[in-house]
Amino acid sequence: MARRGISWAAEVLKRIRGLDFPVKKDVIKERLKDLYWRGIPMTKILDEIPKEEFESPAELLHEISQAIHKLEERGEIPVTSKKGINWAVEVLKRIRGLDFPVKKEIIAERLKDLYWMGVPMSKILDEVKKDEFESPAELLHELAEAIRKLEERGEIAEERV
């Protein structure tokens, strides 16, 4: 089954919703204790991160992607494409500072010139039926669903993560 990095990132954001940043790693570990990435417990991935505190959700996702890379380099997990994770971090960087709820056209402007697996963000956003997003997690979830729909129709290839 295809596992999209963006869906995984959206799940992390959903689980940390309501936390005030900066936040300690122990608090993050508690929120993500039953989450797995490719069969690896999130707690193991978080243990790879030397930081004990995170300033923002974007920083957290970036550090998690770096930790996965470390585990791959040591051969503890198979090398994979992390495009989805890195892409979700890029989305978060580009929407930083926006006050939610936010209109789709504002998101489209912030994400112009961004591609996912070679697909322009405008095509993915066209699949999203909502005109407004309540949170960054909701935005990532809706984008992941749009990608799934495009994959099901064969308009883009599935990302194997």
N, C-alpha and C. Protein backbone atom coordinates (compact mmCIF):
# COMPACT_ATOMS: atom_id res chain seq x y z
N MET A 1 0.84 -1.18 0.00
CA MET A 1 0.00 0.00 0.00
C MET A 1 0.88 1.24 0.00
N ALA A 2 0.54 2.22 -0.78
CA ALA A 2 1.32 3.45 -0.86
C ALA A 2 1.18 4.22 0.45
N ARG A 3 2.28 4.73 0.92
CA ARG A 3 2.27 5.57 2.12
C ARG A 3 2.81 6.93 1.71
N ARG A 4 1.97 7.91 1.72
CA ARG A 4 2.40 9.23 1.30
C ARG A 4 3.01 9.97 2.48
N GLY A 5 4.21 10.54 2.27
CA GLY A 5 4.83 11.32 3.32
C GLY A 5 3.95 12.46 3.77
N ILE A 6 3.23 13.05 2.84
CA ILE A 6 2.38 14.18 3.21
C ILE A 6 1.26 13.73 4.14
N SER A 7 0.71 12.55 3.96
CA SER A 7 -0.32 12.04 4.86
C SER A 7 0.27 11.83 6.24
N TRP A 8 1.47 11.32 6.30
CA TRP A 8 2.16 11.10 7.55
C TRP A 8 2.39 12.42 8.26
N ALA A 9 2.86 13.43 7.52
CA ALA A 9 3.09 14.74 8.13
C ALA A 9 1.79 15.34 8.63
N ALA A 10 0.72 15.16 7.89
CA ALA A 10 -0.59 15.66 8.33
C ALA A 10 -1.01 14.97 9.62
N GLU A 11 -0.73 13.67 9.74
CA GLU A 11 -1.07 12.95 10.97
C GLU A 11 -0.26 13.48 12.16
N VAL A 12 1.01 13.77 11.94
CA VAL A 12 1.82 14.36 13.02
C VAL A 12 1.21 15.69 13.43
N LEU A 13 0.88 16.53 12.46
CA LEU A 13 0.30 17.84 12.78
C LEU A 13 -1.02 17.71 13.52
N LYS A 14 -1.83 16.72 13.11
CA LYS A 14 -3.10 16.51 13.79
C LYS A 14 -2.88 16.16 15.26
N ARG A 15 -1.91 15.31 15.50
CA ARG A 15 -1.66 14.84 16.86
C ARG A 15 -1.03 15.89 17.77
N ILE A 16 -0.35 16.87 17.18
CA ILE A 16 0.27 17.91 18.01
C ILE A 16 -0.58 19.18 18.06
N ARG A 17 -1.73 19.13 17.41
CA ARG A 17 -2.62 20.30 17.40
C ARG A 17 -2.90 20.73 18.83
N GLY A 18 -2.87 22.04 19.04
CA GLY A 18 -3.18 22.60 20.34
C GLY A 18 -1.96 22.79 21.23
N LEU A 19 -0.82 22.25 20.82
CA LEU A 19 0.40 22.44 21.62
C LEU A 19 0.92 23.86 21.40
N ASP A 20 1.42 24.45 22.46
CA ASP A 20 2.06 25.76 22.36
C ASP A 20 3.56 25.54 22.14
N PHE A 21 4.07 26.12 21.06
CA PHE A 21 5.50 26.03 20.77
C PHE A 21 6.19 27.25 21.34
N PRO A 22 7.44 27.08 21.80
CA PRO A 22 8.26 25.88 21.76
C PRO A 22 7.70 24.79 22.67
N VAL A 23 8.02 23.53 22.31
CA VAL A 23 7.53 22.38 23.07
C VAL A 23 8.66 21.38 23.25
N LYS A 24 8.66 20.73 24.39
CA LYS A 24 9.70 19.74 24.73
C LYS A 24 9.47 18.43 23.96
N LYS A 25 10.58 17.76 23.68
CA LYS A 25 10.52 16.49 22.96
C LYS A 25 9.66 15.46 23.70
N ASP A 26 9.73 15.42 25.03
CA ASP A 26 8.94 14.45 25.78
C ASP A 26 7.44 14.62 25.53
N VAL A 27 6.98 15.85 25.38
CA VAL A 27 5.57 16.11 25.10
C VAL A 27 5.22 15.59 23.71
N ILE A 28 6.11 15.82 22.75
CA ILE A 28 5.91 15.32 21.38
C ILE A 28 5.87 13.80 21.39
N LYS A 29 6.80 13.17 22.10
CA LYS A 29 6.85 11.71 22.16
C LYS A 29 5.56 11.14 22.72
N GLU A 30 5.00 11.78 23.72
CA GLU A 30 3.75 11.31 24.30
C GLU A 30 2.62 11.39 23.28
N ARG A 31 2.56 12.48 22.53
CA ARG A 31 1.50 12.66 21.53
C ARG A 31 1.64 11.68 20.36
N LEU A 32 2.87 11.28 20.06
CA LEU A 32 3.12 10.44 18.88
C LEU A 32 3.47 8.99 19.25
N LYS A 33 3.24 8.60 20.50
CA LYS A 33 3.72 7.30 20.99
C LYS A 33 3.18 6.10 20.23
N ASP A 34 2.00 6.19 19.66
CA ASP A 34 1.46 5.03 18.93
C ASP A 34 1.46 5.26 17.41
N LEU A 35 2.29 6.18 16.96
CA LEU A 35 2.41 6.46 15.52
C LEU A 35 3.65 5.75 14.97
N TYR A 36 3.48 5.15 13.81
CA TYR A 36 4.58 4.44 13.16
C TYR A 36 4.81 5.02 11.77
N TRP A 37 6.05 5.01 11.33
CA TRP A 37 6.41 5.38 9.96
C TRP A 37 7.12 4.18 9.38
N ARG A 38 6.50 3.58 8.35
CA ARG A 38 7.05 2.38 7.71
C ARG A 38 7.40 1.29 8.74
N GLY A 39 6.56 1.15 9.76
CA GLY A 39 6.75 0.13 10.76
C GLY A 39 7.72 0.51 11.87
N ILE A 40 8.30 1.69 11.78
CA ILE A 40 9.25 2.17 12.80
C ILE A 40 8.48 3.04 13.79
N PRO A 41 8.58 2.73 15.09
CA PRO A 41 7.88 3.58 16.07
C PRO A 41 8.41 5.01 16.02
N MET A 42 7.50 5.96 16.09
CA MET A 42 7.90 7.36 16.06
C MET A 42 8.84 7.68 17.22
N THR A 43 8.67 7.00 18.34
CA THR A 43 9.56 7.25 19.48
C THR A 43 11.02 6.93 19.11
N LYS A 44 11.24 5.88 18.34
CA LYS A 44 12.61 5.54 17.88
C LYS A 44 13.16 6.65 16.99
N ILE A 45 12.32 7.15 16.09
CA ILE A 45 12.75 8.23 15.20
C ILE A 45 13.05 9.49 16.01
N LEU A 46 12.19 9.80 16.96
CA LEU A 46 12.41 10.99 17.80
C LEU A 46 13.68 10.85 18.64
N ASP A 47 14.02 9.62 19.04
CA ASP A 47 15.24 9.39 19.81
C ASP A 47 16.50 9.76 19.01
N GLU A 48 16.40 9.77 17.70
CA GLU A 48 17.53 10.14 16.84
C GLU A 48 17.78 11.65 16.81
N ILE A 49 16.83 12.41 17.29
CA ILE A 49 16.92 13.87 17.23
C ILE A 49 17.62 14.38 18.49
N PRO A 50 18.74 15.08 18.32
CA PRO A 50 19.46 15.57 19.50
C PRO A 50 18.74 16.71 20.23
N LYS A 51 17.91 17.45 19.54
CA LYS A 51 17.19 18.56 20.18
C LYS A 51 16.22 18.05 21.23
N GLU A 52 16.08 18.83 22.27
CA GLU A 52 15.12 18.49 23.32
C GLU A 52 13.90 19.40 23.28
N GLU A 53 13.92 20.38 22.36
CA GLU A 53 12.81 21.32 22.26
C GLU A 53 12.68 21.76 20.80
N PHE A 54 11.44 21.97 20.37
CA PHE A 54 11.16 22.38 19.00
C PHE A 54 10.44 23.73 19.01
N GLU A 55 10.87 24.61 18.11
CA GLU A 55 10.33 25.97 18.06
C GLU A 55 9.03 26.06 17.27
N SER A 56 8.82 25.12 16.33
CA SER A 56 7.63 25.20 15.47
C SER A 56 7.31 23.82 14.91
N PRO A 57 6.08 23.62 14.41
CA PRO A 57 5.76 22.36 13.75
C PRO A 57 6.66 22.10 12.53
N ALA A 58 6.99 23.14 11.79
CA ALA A 58 7.86 22.96 10.62
C ALA A 58 9.23 22.44 11.04
N GLU A 59 9.77 22.99 12.13
CA GLU A 59 11.06 22.51 12.62
C GLU A 59 10.95 21.04 13.05
N LEU A 60 9.86 20.68 13.71
CA LEU A 60 9.67 19.30 14.13
C LEU A 60 9.67 18.35 12.92
N LEU A 61 8.90 18.67 11.89
CA LEU A 61 8.86 17.82 10.70
C LEU A 61 10.23 17.73 10.03
N HIS A 62 10.95 18.84 9.99
CA HIS A 62 12.29 18.84 9.40
C HIS A 62 13.21 17.91 10.19
N GLU A 63 13.18 18.03 11.51
CA GLU A 63 14.04 17.18 12.35
C GLU A 63 13.68 15.70 12.21
N ILE A 64 12.39 15.41 12.10
CA ILE A 64 11.98 14.01 11.91
C ILE A 64 12.53 13.48 10.59
N SER A 65 12.44 14.28 9.53
CA SER A 65 12.95 13.82 8.23
C SER A 65 14.46 13.60 8.29
N GLN A 66 15.18 14.46 9.03
CA GLN A 66 16.62 14.27 9.20
C GLN A 66 16.93 13.00 10.00
N ALA A 67 16.12 12.73 11.01
CA ALA A 67 16.31 11.52 11.82
C ALA A 67 16.10 10.27 10.97
N ILE A 68 15.10 10.29 10.11
CA ILE A 68 14.86 9.16 9.21
C ILE A 68 16.07 8.95 8.32
N HIS A 69 16.63 10.05 7.82
CA HIS A 69 17.82 9.97 6.97
C HIS A 69 18.99 9.31 7.74
N LYS A 70 19.17 9.66 9.00
CA LYS A 70 20.23 9.06 9.82
C LYS A 70 20.02 7.55 9.95
N LEU A 71 18.78 7.15 10.22
CA LEU A 71 18.48 5.72 10.34
C LEU A 71 18.74 5.00 9.02
N GLU A 72 18.44 5.63 7.91
CA GLU A 72 18.72 5.04 6.59
C GLU A 72 20.22 4.90 6.38
N GLU A 73 20.97 5.94 6.72
CA GLU A 73 22.42 5.90 6.52
C GLU A 73 23.07 4.77 7.32
N ARG A 74 22.54 4.50 8.50
CA ARG A 74 23.09 3.41 9.32
C ARG A 74 22.55 2.05 8.91
N GLY A 75 21.65 2.01 7.94
CA GLY A 75 21.10 0.76 7.47
C GLY A 75 20.03 0.17 8.36
N GLU A 76 19.51 0.96 9.29
CA GLU A 76 18.48 0.45 10.21
C GLU A 76 17.09 0.42 9.58
N ILE A 77 16.91 1.20 8.53
CA ILE A 77 15.68 1.16 7.74
C ILE A 77 16.07 1.29 6.27
N PRO A 78 15.27 0.72 5.36
CA PRO A 78 15.60 0.81 3.95
C PRO A 78 15.55 2.26 3.47
N VAL A 79 16.44 2.57 2.55
CA VAL A 79 16.45 3.92 1.96
C VAL A 79 15.17 4.10 1.17
N THR A 80 14.53 5.25 1.38
CA THR A 80 13.26 5.54 0.73
C THR A 80 13.29 6.95 0.16
N SER A 81 12.28 7.25 -0.60
CA SER A 81 12.07 8.62 -1.06
C SER A 81 11.37 9.37 0.07
N LYS A 82 11.92 10.49 0.47
CA LYS A 82 11.30 11.29 1.52
C LYS A 82 10.67 12.55 0.93
N LYS A 83 10.36 12.51 -0.36
CA LYS A 83 9.82 13.69 -1.01
C LYS A 83 8.57 14.21 -0.33
N GLY A 84 7.71 13.32 0.09
CA GLY A 84 6.47 13.76 0.72
C GLY A 84 6.73 14.51 2.01
N ILE A 85 7.64 14.01 2.82
CA ILE A 85 7.95 14.67 4.07
C ILE A 85 8.58 16.03 3.79
N ASN A 86 9.58 16.07 2.92
CA ASN A 86 10.23 17.33 2.60
C ASN A 86 9.25 18.30 1.97
N TRP A 87 8.34 17.80 1.16
CA TRP A 87 7.36 18.65 0.51
C TRP A 87 6.42 19.25 1.55
N ALA A 88 6.00 18.46 2.54
CA ALA A 88 5.12 18.97 3.59
C ALA A 88 5.83 20.06 4.39
N VAL A 89 7.11 19.88 4.64
CA VAL A 89 7.89 20.91 5.34
C VAL A 89 7.91 22.18 4.51
N GLU A 90 8.10 22.04 3.20
CA GLU A 90 8.11 23.21 2.32
C GLU A 90 6.77 23.93 2.33
N VAL A 91 5.68 23.18 2.33
CA VAL A 91 4.36 23.80 2.43
C VAL A 91 4.26 24.60 3.72
N LEU A 92 4.68 24.00 4.82
CA LEU A 92 4.60 24.69 6.11
C LEU A 92 5.46 25.96 6.12
N LYS A 93 6.63 25.89 5.51
CA LYS A 93 7.48 27.08 5.43
C LYS A 93 6.79 28.19 4.65
N ARG A 94 6.16 27.82 3.54
CA ARG A 94 5.54 28.83 2.68
C ARG A 94 4.28 29.45 3.27
N ILE A 95 3.62 28.73 4.18
CA ILE A 95 2.40 29.29 4.76
C ILE A 95 2.66 29.90 6.14
N ARG A 96 3.92 29.86 6.57
CA ARG A 96 4.28 30.43 7.87
C ARG A 96 3.79 31.88 7.94
N GLY A 97 3.21 32.22 9.08
CA GLY A 97 2.76 33.58 9.29
C GLY A 97 1.33 33.84 8.89
N LEU A 98 0.71 32.89 8.20
CA LEU A 98 -0.69 33.07 7.81
C LEU A 98 -1.58 32.86 9.03
N ASP A 99 -2.62 33.65 9.11
CA ASP A 99 -3.62 33.46 10.15
C ASP A 99 -4.73 32.57 9.61
N PHE A 100 -5.00 31.49 10.31
CA PHE A 100 -6.06 30.57 9.91
C PHE A 100 -7.32 30.94 10.64
N PRO A 101 -8.50 30.75 10.02
CA PRO A 101 -8.72 30.16 8.70
C PRO A 101 -8.17 31.05 7.59
N VAL A 102 -7.83 30.40 6.47
CA VAL A 102 -7.26 31.10 5.33
C VAL A 102 -7.90 30.60 4.04
N LYS A 103 -8.09 31.53 3.10
CA LYS A 103 -8.73 31.22 1.82
C LYS A 103 -7.79 30.45 0.90
N LYS A 104 -8.38 29.62 0.07
CA LYS A 104 -7.64 28.79 -0.88
C LYS A 104 -6.78 29.64 -1.83
N GLU A 105 -7.29 30.79 -2.26
CA GLU A 105 -6.51 31.61 -3.20
C GLU A 105 -5.23 32.16 -2.56
N ILE A 106 -5.27 32.40 -1.26
CA ILE A 106 -4.05 32.84 -0.57
C ILE A 106 -3.05 31.70 -0.50
N ILE A 107 -3.56 30.51 -0.22
CA ILE A 107 -2.69 29.32 -0.22
C ILE A 107 -2.08 29.12 -1.61
N ALA A 108 -2.89 29.25 -2.64
CA ALA A 108 -2.41 29.06 -4.02
C ALA A 108 -1.28 30.04 -4.33
N GLU A 109 -1.42 31.26 -3.88
CA GLU A 109 -0.38 32.27 -4.12
C GLU A 109 0.92 31.90 -3.40
N ARG A 110 0.79 31.44 -2.17
CA ARG A 110 1.98 31.07 -1.39
C ARG A 110 2.67 29.83 -1.95
N LEU A 111 1.90 28.94 -2.59
CA LEU A 111 2.46 27.68 -3.07
C LEU A 111 2.77 27.68 -4.56
N LYS A 112 2.63 28.84 -5.20
CA LYS A 112 2.94 28.87 -6.64
C LYS A 112 4.39 28.46 -6.85
N ASP A 113 4.65 27.86 -7.96
CA ASP A 113 5.98 27.35 -8.31
C ASP A 113 6.43 26.18 -7.45
N LEU A 114 5.51 25.60 -6.66
CA LEU A 114 5.84 24.41 -5.87
C LEU A 114 5.26 23.19 -6.59
N TYR A 115 6.05 22.13 -6.63
CA TYR A 115 5.64 20.90 -7.30
C TYR A 115 5.71 19.75 -6.31
N TRP A 116 4.85 18.76 -6.52
CA TRP A 116 4.90 17.52 -5.78
C TRP A 116 5.08 16.41 -6.80
N MET A 117 6.20 15.71 -6.73
CA MET A 117 6.50 14.61 -7.66
C MET A 117 6.31 15.07 -9.11
N GLY A 118 6.71 16.31 -9.38
CA GLY A 118 6.63 16.85 -10.73
C GLY A 118 5.27 17.41 -11.11
N VAL A 119 4.31 17.37 -10.21
CA VAL A 119 2.95 17.86 -10.47
C VAL A 119 2.83 19.26 -9.89
N PRO A 120 2.39 20.23 -10.70
CA PRO A 120 2.24 21.59 -10.17
C PRO A 120 1.20 21.64 -9.05
N MET A 121 1.49 22.43 -8.05
CA MET A 121 0.57 22.58 -6.93
C MET A 121 -0.80 23.05 -7.39
N SER A 122 -0.84 23.85 -8.44
CA SER A 122 -2.13 24.35 -8.93
C SER A 122 -3.05 23.19 -9.33
N LYS A 123 -2.49 22.13 -9.91
CA LYS A 123 -3.30 20.97 -10.29
C LYS A 123 -3.84 20.26 -9.06
N ILE A 124 -3.01 20.15 -8.04
CA ILE A 124 -3.43 19.49 -6.80
C ILE A 124 -4.50 20.33 -6.11
N LEU A 125 -4.27 21.63 -6.03
CA LEU A 125 -5.25 22.51 -5.39
C LEU A 125 -6.58 22.52 -6.13
N ASP A 126 -6.55 22.34 -7.45
CA ASP A 126 -7.79 22.28 -8.23
C ASP A 126 -8.67 21.11 -7.78
N GLU A 127 -8.06 20.06 -7.26
CA GLU A 127 -8.81 18.88 -6.78
C GLU A 127 -9.47 19.13 -5.43
N VAL A 128 -8.96 20.10 -4.68
CA VAL A 128 -9.49 20.39 -3.35
C VAL A 128 -10.77 21.20 -3.49
N LYS A 129 -11.84 20.69 -2.90
CA LYS A 129 -13.16 21.33 -3.03
C LYS A 129 -13.37 22.46 -2.03
N LYS A 130 -12.61 22.46 -0.96
CA LYS A 130 -12.76 23.51 0.07
C LYS A 130 -12.21 24.83 -0.45
N ASP A 131 -12.83 25.92 -0.01
CA ASP A 131 -12.35 27.25 -0.35
C ASP A 131 -11.62 27.91 0.81
N GLU A 132 -11.64 27.24 1.97
CA GLU A 132 -11.01 27.81 3.16
C GLU A 132 -10.51 26.67 4.04
N PHE A 133 -9.40 26.90 4.71
CA PHE A 133 -8.78 25.90 5.57
C PHE A 133 -8.70 26.44 6.98
N GLU A 134 -9.06 25.59 7.95
CA GLU A 134 -9.08 25.99 9.36
C GLU A 134 -7.71 25.90 10.03
N SER A 135 -6.82 25.05 9.50
CA SER A 135 -5.52 24.84 10.14
C SER A 135 -4.52 24.30 9.12
N PRO A 136 -3.21 24.39 9.42
CA PRO A 136 -2.21 23.77 8.55
C PRO A 136 -2.44 22.26 8.40
N ALA A 137 -2.84 21.59 9.49
CA ALA A 137 -3.09 20.14 9.41
C ALA A 137 -4.23 19.85 8.43
N GLU A 138 -5.29 20.65 8.48
CA GLU A 138 -6.39 20.44 7.55
C GLU A 138 -5.93 20.66 6.11
N LEU A 139 -5.11 21.67 5.88
CA LEU A 139 -4.58 21.93 4.54
C LEU A 139 -3.79 20.72 4.04
N LEU A 140 -2.86 20.21 4.85
CA LEU A 140 -2.07 19.05 4.42
C LEU A 140 -2.95 17.83 4.19
N HIS A 141 -3.95 17.64 5.02
CA HIS A 141 -4.87 16.52 4.83
C HIS A 141 -5.61 16.65 3.50
N GLU A 142 -6.13 17.82 3.21
CA GLU A 142 -6.87 18.03 1.97
C GLU A 142 -5.96 17.85 0.75
N LEU A 143 -4.73 18.31 0.84
CA LEU A 143 -3.79 18.13 -0.27
C LEU A 143 -3.48 16.65 -0.47
N ALA A 144 -3.32 15.91 0.63
CA ALA A 144 -3.06 14.46 0.53
C ALA A 144 -4.24 13.75 -0.12
N GLU A 145 -5.45 14.14 0.24
CA GLU A 145 -6.64 13.54 -0.37
C GLU A 145 -6.71 13.87 -1.86
N ALA A 146 -6.36 15.08 -2.22
CA ALA A 146 -6.36 15.46 -3.64
C ALA A 146 -5.34 14.64 -4.42
N ILE A 147 -4.18 14.42 -3.82
CA ILE A 147 -3.15 13.60 -4.46
C ILE A 147 -3.67 12.17 -4.64
N ARG A 148 -4.33 11.64 -3.61
CA ARG A 148 -4.89 10.29 -3.69
C ARG A 148 -5.88 10.19 -4.85
N LYS A 149 -6.74 11.19 -4.99
CA LYS A 149 -7.72 11.18 -6.08
C LYS A 149 -7.02 11.20 -7.44
N LEU A 150 -6.00 12.01 -7.58
CA LEU A 150 -5.25 12.07 -8.84
C LEU A 150 -4.57 10.74 -9.13
N GLU A 151 -4.05 10.10 -8.08
CA GLU A 151 -3.43 8.78 -8.25
C GLU A 151 -4.46 7.74 -8.69
N GLU A 152 -5.61 7.75 -8.05
CA GLU A 152 -6.66 6.79 -8.39
C GLU A 152 -7.10 6.92 -9.83
N ARG A 153 -7.12 8.13 -10.33
CA ARG A 153 -7.50 8.35 -11.73
C ARG A 153 -6.34 8.13 -12.69
N GLY A 154 -5.16 7.81 -12.14
CA GLY A 154 -3.99 7.55 -12.97
C GLY A 154 -3.36 8.80 -13.55
N GLU A 155 -3.68 9.96 -12.99
CA GLU A 155 -3.13 11.21 -13.52
C GLU A 155 -1.74 11.50 -12.97
N ILE A 156 -1.40 10.87 -11.84
CA ILE A 156 -0.04 10.95 -11.31
C ILE A 156 0.31 9.59 -10.74
N ALA A 157 1.61 9.28 -10.73
CA ALA A 157 2.07 7.99 -10.22
C ALA A 157 2.07 8.01 -8.71
N GLU A 158 1.78 6.87 -8.10
CA GLU A 158 1.80 6.76 -6.64
C GLU A 158 3.23 6.89 -6.15
N GLU A 159 3.40 7.60 -5.04
CA GLU A 159 4.69 7.70 -4.38
C GLU A 159 4.80 6.52 -3.41
N ARG A 160 5.86 5.77 -3.51
CA ARG A 160 6.08 4.66 -2.58
C ARG A 160 7.03 5.14 -1.51
N VAL A 161 6.50 5.29 -0.30
CA VAL A 161 7.33 5.76 0.82
C VAL A 161 7.22 4.76 1.94
